[in-house]
PDB file of N, CA and C in Angstrom:
ATOM      1  N   ILE A   1      -2.265   1.839  -8.061  1.00  0.00           N
ATOM      2  CA  ILE A   1      -2.587   2.507  -7.104  1.00  0.00           C
ATOM      3  C   ILE A   1      -2.971   2.103  -5.889  1.00  0.00           C
ATOM      4  N   PRO A   2      -1.674   3.191  -5.105  1.00  0.00           N
ATOM      5  CA  PRO A   2      -1.576   3.340  -3.498  1.00  0.00           C
ATOM      6  C   PRO A   2      -2.729   3.389  -3.140  1.00  0.00           C
ATOM      7  N   THR A   3      -3.321   2.225  -2.360  1.00  0.00           N
ATOM      8  CA  THR A   3      -5.076   2.786  -2.070  1.00  0.00           C
ATOM      9  C   THR A   3      -4.501   2.917  -0.367  1.00  0.00           C
ATOM     10  N   ASP A   4      -5.593   3.424   0.777  1.00  0.00           N
ATOM     11  CA  ASP A   4      -5.308   3.414   1.967  1.00  0.00           C
ATOM     12  C   ASP A   4      -5.192   2.160   2.715  1.00  0.00           C
ATOM     13  N   SER A   5      -6.355   1.149   2.116  1.00  0.00           N
ATOM     14  CA  SER A   5      -5.937  -0.083   3.135  1.00  0.00           C
ATOM     15  C   SER A   5      -4.159  -1.062   2.861  1.00  0.00           C
ATOM     16  N   THR A   6      -3.891  -0.668   1.331  1.00  0.00           N
ATOM     17  CA  THR A   6      -2.524  -1.386   1.014  1.00  0.00           C
ATOM     18  C   THR A   6      -1.733  -0.536   1.796  1.00  0.00           C
ATOM     19  N   ARG A   7      -1.884   0.637   1.812  1.00  0.00           N
ATOM     20  CA  ARG A   7      -0.846   1.445   2.323  1.00  0.00           C
ATOM     21  C   ARG A   7      -0.016   1.640   4.232  1.00  0.00           C
ATOM     22  N   ARG A   8      -1.841   0.792   4.504  1.00  0.00           N
ATOM     23  CA  ARG A   8      -1.452   0.463   6.172  1.00  0.00           C
ATOM     24  C   ARG A   8      -1.226  -0.786   5.947  1.00  0.00           C
ATOM     25  N   LYS A   9      -1.390  -1.497   5.059  1.00  0.00           N
ATOM     26  CA  LYS A   9      -0.713  -3.278   5.786  1.00  0.00           C
ATOM     27  C   LYS A   9       0.703  -3.419   4.514  1.00  0.00           C
ATOM     28  N   GLY A  10       1.171  -2.766   3.883  1.00  0.00           N
ATOM     29  CA  GLY A  10       2.330  -2.129   3.498  1.00  0.00           C
ATOM     30  C   GLY A  10       2.479  -4.195   2.646  1.00  0.00           C
ATOM     31  N   GLY A  11       1.845  -4.082   1.744  1.00  0.00           N
ATOM     32  CA  GLY A  11       2.244  -5.740   0.973  1.00  0.00           C
ATOM     33  C   GLY A  11       2.656  -4.957  -0.249  1.00  0.00           C
ATOM     34  N   ARG A  12       2.378  -5.738  -1.421  1.00  0.00           N
ATOM     35  CA  ARG A  12       2.634  -6.502  -2.465  1.00  0.00           C
ATOM     36  C   ARG A  12       3.586  -4.696  -3.019  1.00  0.00           C
ATOM     37  N   ARG A  13       2.064  -3.890  -3.257  1.00  0.00           N
ATOM     38  CA  ARG A  13       2.790  -2.196  -3.679  1.00  0.00           C
ATOM     39  C   ARG A  13       1.557  -1.328  -2.290  1.00  0.00           C
ATOM     40  N   GLY A  14       1.747  -1.573  -1.409  1.00  0.00           N
ATOM     41  CA  GLY A  14       1.251  -0.127  -0.383  1.00  0.00           C
ATOM     42  C   GLY A  14       2.450   0.557   0.630  1.00  0.00           C
ATOM     43  N   ARG A  15       3.109  -0.155  -0.057  1.00  0.00           N
ATOM     44  CA  ARG A  15       4.601   1.228   0.616  1.00  0.00           C
ATOM     45  C   ARG A  15       4.625   2.262   0.531  1.00  0.00           C
ATOM     46  N   ARG A  16       5.260   2.702  -1.275  1.00  0.00           N
ATOM     47  CA  ARG A  16       5.861   3.649  -1.726  1.00  0.00           C
ATOM     48  C   ARG A  16       4.760   3.747  -3.102  1.00  0.00           C
ATOM     49  N   LEU A  17       4.629   2.777  -3.464  1.00  0.00           N
ATOM     50  CA  LEU A  17       4.308   2.608  -4.559  1.00  0.00           C
ATOM     51  C   LEU A  17       2.841   2.586  -4.812  1.00  0.00           C
TER      52      LEU A  17
END
């Protein structure tokens, strides 16, 4: 699940997935 923190960092799956 793309959480807000991961989306900000754009890590492993924080960009789109």
